[in-house]
C-alpha atoms as a PDB file:
ATOM      1  CA  MET A   1     -16.185  20.957  -7.802  1.00  0.00           C
ATOM      2  CA  VAL A   2     -16.213  18.373  -5.003  1.00  0.00           C
ATOM      3  CA  LYS A   3     -19.230  16.542  -6.477  1.00  0.00           C
ATOM      4  CA  ARG A   4     -17.465  16.318  -9.846  1.00  0.00           C
ATOM      5  CA  ASN A   5     -14.395  14.817  -8.167  1.00  0.00           C
ATOM      6  CA  LEU A   6     -16.581  12.317  -6.335  1.00  0.00           C
ATOM      7  CA  THR A   7     -18.097  11.240  -9.643  1.00  0.00           C
ATOM      8  CA  ILE A   8     -14.601  10.616 -11.020  1.00  0.00           C
ATOM      9  CA  PHE A   9     -13.811   8.392  -8.033  1.00  0.00           C
ATOM     10  CA  ASP A  10     -17.095   6.516  -8.485  1.00  0.00           C
ATOM     11  CA  LYS A  11     -16.352   5.883 -12.168  1.00  0.00           C
ATOM     12  CA  LYS A  12     -12.853   4.611 -11.422  1.00  0.00           C
ATOM     13  CA  ILE A  13     -14.165   2.328  -8.689  1.00  0.00           C
ATOM     14  CA  GLN A  14     -16.853   1.000 -11.030  1.00  0.00           C
ATOM     15  CA  LYS A  15     -14.203   0.134 -13.648  1.00  0.00           C
ATOM     16  CA  ILE A  16     -12.241  -1.783 -11.034  1.00  0.00           C
ATOM     17  CA  LYS A  17     -15.381  -3.678  -9.989  1.00  0.00           C
ATOM     18  CA  GLU A  18     -15.947  -4.653 -13.620  1.00  0.00           C
ATOM     19  CA  LYS A  19     -12.381  -5.947 -13.922  1.00  0.00           C
ATOM     20  CA  ILE A  20     -12.752  -7.957 -10.722  1.00  0.00           C
ATOM     21  CA  SER A  21     -16.014  -9.483 -11.933  1.00  0.00           C
ATOM     22  CA  VAL A  22     -14.259 -11.316 -14.781  1.00  0.00           C
ATOM     23  CA  ILE A  23     -11.400 -12.757 -12.752  1.00  0.00           C
ATOM     24  CA  GLY A  24     -11.321 -16.529 -12.974  1.00  0.00           C
ATOM     25  CA  ASP A  25     -10.308 -19.182 -10.485  1.00  0.00           C
ATOM     26  CA  MET A  26      -7.603 -17.960  -8.159  1.00  0.00           C
ATOM     27  CA  ARG A  27      -5.435 -18.969  -5.265  1.00  0.00           C
ATOM     28  CA  PRO A  28      -2.586 -17.406  -3.327  1.00  0.00           C
ATOM     29  CA  GLY A  29       0.916 -18.763  -3.255  1.00  0.00           C
ATOM     30  CA  SER A  30       4.068 -19.343  -5.171  1.00  0.00           C
ATOM     31  CA  LEU A  31       4.859 -22.327  -7.315  1.00  0.00           C
ATOM     32  CA  THR A  32       8.382 -23.683  -7.268  1.00  0.00           C
ATOM     33  CA  LYS A  33      10.160 -26.679  -8.719  1.00  0.00           C
ATOM     34  CA  GLN A  34      12.086 -28.705  -6.183  1.00  0.00           C
ATOM     35  CA  PHE A  35      15.075 -30.856  -7.027  1.00  0.00           C
ATOM     36  CA  PRO A  36      15.941 -33.652  -4.616  1.00  0.00           C
ATOM     37  CA  LYS A  37      19.621 -34.178  -3.841  1.00  0.00           C
ATOM     38  CA  SER A  38      19.399 -37.754  -5.011  1.00  0.00           C
ATOM     39  CA  GLY A  39      19.327 -36.560  -8.623  1.00  0.00           C
ATOM     40  CA  LYS A  40      15.815 -37.820  -9.172  1.00  0.00           C
ATOM     41  CA  LYS A  41      13.367 -35.964 -11.344  1.00  0.00           C
ATOM     42  CA  GLY A  42      12.161 -32.658  -9.857  1.00  0.00           C
ATOM     43  CA  TYR A  43       8.643 -31.943  -8.656  1.00  0.00           C
ATOM     44  CA  TYR A  44       6.467 -28.864  -8.182  1.00  0.00           C
ATOM     45  CA  GLN A  45       5.025 -27.543  -4.975  1.00  0.00           C
ATOM     46  CA  ILE A  46       2.879 -24.575  -4.058  1.00  0.00           C
ATOM     47  CA  SER A  47       3.442 -22.686  -0.826  1.00  0.00           C
ATOM     48  CA  TYR A  48       1.037 -20.168   0.634  1.00  0.00           C
ATOM     49  CA  THR A  49      -0.346 -18.750   3.853  1.00  0.00           C
ATOM     50  CA  TYR A  50      -4.054 -19.059   4.559  1.00  0.00           C
ATOM     51  CA  LYS A  51      -5.813 -18.144   7.797  1.00  0.00           C
ATOM     52  CA  MET A  52      -2.416 -17.366   9.286  1.00  0.00           C
ATOM     53  CA  LYS A  53      -1.117 -20.876   8.617  1.00  0.00           C
ATOM     54  CA  SER A  54       1.617 -21.789   6.161  1.00  0.00           C
ATOM     55  CA  LYS A  55       0.742 -24.553   3.749  1.00  0.00           C
ATOM     56  CA  THR A  56       2.770 -26.496   1.204  1.00  0.00           C
ATOM     57  CA  GLU A  57       1.226 -28.867  -1.303  1.00  0.00           C
ATOM     58  CA  TYR A  58       2.655 -31.022  -4.016  1.00  0.00           C
ATOM     59  CA  VAL A  59       1.396 -30.289  -7.515  1.00  0.00           C
ATOM     60  CA  LYS A  60       1.075 -32.951 -10.186  1.00  0.00           C
ATOM     61  CA  PRO A  61       2.735 -31.999 -13.495  1.00  0.00           C
ATOM     62  CA  GLU A  62      -0.618 -31.912 -15.311  1.00  0.00           C
ATOM     63  CA  TRP A  63      -1.846 -29.230 -12.874  1.00  0.00           C
ATOM     64  CA  VAL A  64       1.161 -26.880 -13.089  1.00  0.00           C
ATOM     65  CA  ASN A  65      -0.251 -24.602 -15.808  1.00  0.00           C
ATOM     66  CA  LYS A  66      -3.647 -24.377 -14.098  1.00  0.00           C
ATOM     67  CA  ILE A  67      -2.036 -23.465 -10.769  1.00  0.00           C
ATOM     68  CA  LYS A  68       0.163 -20.849 -12.449  1.00  0.00           C
ATOM     69  CA  GLN A  69      -2.937 -19.238 -13.968  1.00  0.00           C
ATOM     70  CA  GLU A  70      -4.753 -19.269 -10.625  1.00  0.00           C
ATOM     71  CA  ILE A  71      -1.791 -17.556  -8.952  1.00  0.00           C
ATOM     72  CA  LEU A  72      -1.740 -14.881 -11.669  1.00  0.00           C
ATOM     73  CA  GLU A  73      -5.470 -14.294 -11.249  1.00  0.00           C
ATOM     74  CA  TYR A  74      -4.979 -13.907  -7.490  1.00  0.00           C
ATOM     75  CA  LYS A  75      -2.235 -11.323  -8.055  1.00  0.00           C
ATOM     76  CA  ARG A  76      -4.538  -9.405 -10.417  1.00  0.00           C
ATOM     77  CA  PHE A  77      -7.303  -9.513  -7.818  1.00  0.00           C
ATOM     78  CA  LYS A  78      -4.992  -8.210  -5.100  1.00  0.00           C
ATOM     79  CA  LYS A  79      -3.808  -5.378  -7.369  1.00  0.00           C
ATOM     80  CA  PHE A  80      -7.366  -4.308  -8.182  1.00  0.00           C
ATOM     81  CA  MET A  81      -8.419  -4.495  -4.539  1.00  0.00           C
ATOM     82  CA  GLN A  82      -5.502  -2.279  -3.529  1.00  0.00           C
ATOM     83  CA  GLN A  83      -6.491   0.259  -6.188  1.00  0.00           C
ATOM     84  CA  TRP A  84     -10.095   0.176  -4.986  1.00  0.00           C
ATOM     85  CA  ILE A  85      -9.041   0.722  -1.378  1.00  0.00           C
ATOM     86  CA  ASP A  86      -6.761   3.620  -2.372  1.00  0.00           C
ATOM     87  CA  LEU A  87      -9.605   5.282  -4.267  1.00  0.00           C
ATOM     88  CA  ALA A  88     -12.076   4.648  -1.439  1.00  0.00           C
ATOM     89  CA  ILE A  89      -9.748   6.293   1.082  1.00  0.00           C
ATOM     90  CA  GLU A  90      -9.229   9.338  -1.131  1.00  0.00           C
ATOM     91  CA  LYS A  91     -12.960   9.591  -1.803  1.00  0.00           C
ATOM     92  CA  SER A  92     -13.697   9.400   1.913  1.00  0.00           C
ATOM     93  CA  LYS A  93     -11.182  12.147   2.637  1.00  0.00           C
ATOM     94  CA  LEU A  94     -12.724  14.326  -0.054  1.00  0.00           C
ATOM     95  CA  GLN A  95     -16.208  13.763   1.351  1.00  0.00           C
ATOM     96  CA  LYS A  96     -15.047  14.517   4.879  1.00  0.00           C
ATOM     97  CA  ASN A  97     -13.167  17.673   3.912  1.00  0.00           C
ATOM     98  CA  GLY A  98     -15.869  18.856   1.520  1.00  0.00           C
ATOM     99  CA  ASP A  99     -18.649  17.901   3.921  1.00  0.00           C
ATOM    100  CA  ILE A 100     -20.452  16.057   1.112  1.00  0.00           C
ATOM    101  CA  LYS A 101     -22.852  13.271   2.034  1.00  0.00           C
END
């Protein structure tokens, strides 16, 4: 019974690995449009934290769609990684409790 459950975990983890393998360019952050008080045309900026440092960068209009896609890909990656970690923890618990190696 325990070995069968371990196989299920392995299959689910393998599916997640396959999904991760096709993720494209990615980057963390959030993209916002800023509007200066002067009434001038707005501009985009991306804000993110990397290596425990906050960063903000201006984004040219022609790059907005690309950056949006990269942020979405990063969110997908994070979701899959969390699922993988959850499964790995459960699998480890099952192995420990079932004394399966």
